[in-house]
């Protein structure tokens, strides 16, 4: 079982291997679901694959830091820049989390970007 720090805030998703239905602890999945969510992994390879995105926390914070620094270099106060970047990324992540069990959700979010707009250009 892997529980990342956001689980403490009931905002993260735990990985469970073996699945609760195949273990001596069937209560684990409902408990972890109550703490933010749980994905049961059929085997160690699936669990290892699902662990890979957890290594993107540092790079994401680095992007946010670079965004803040760029805004500060443009004359925005450090407090306003930090607040704006944090709130903007929160909104972006909440959009991605909404209906996240739908495997097409991220495709839809990408498709709704303005054709030829900055978001589309950055993705190229």
Foldseek 3Di string as FASTA:
>chain_A
DDDDVCLVVLADEAEAPQQLVPDPHVCVQVVRVSSNYYDHDNDPVRVVVVCVVVVCPVVVVVVLVVQLVVVVVVVDDSVVSNVVSVVVVVVVVVQCVVVVVPVCSVVVVLVPPDVVDPVVVVVD
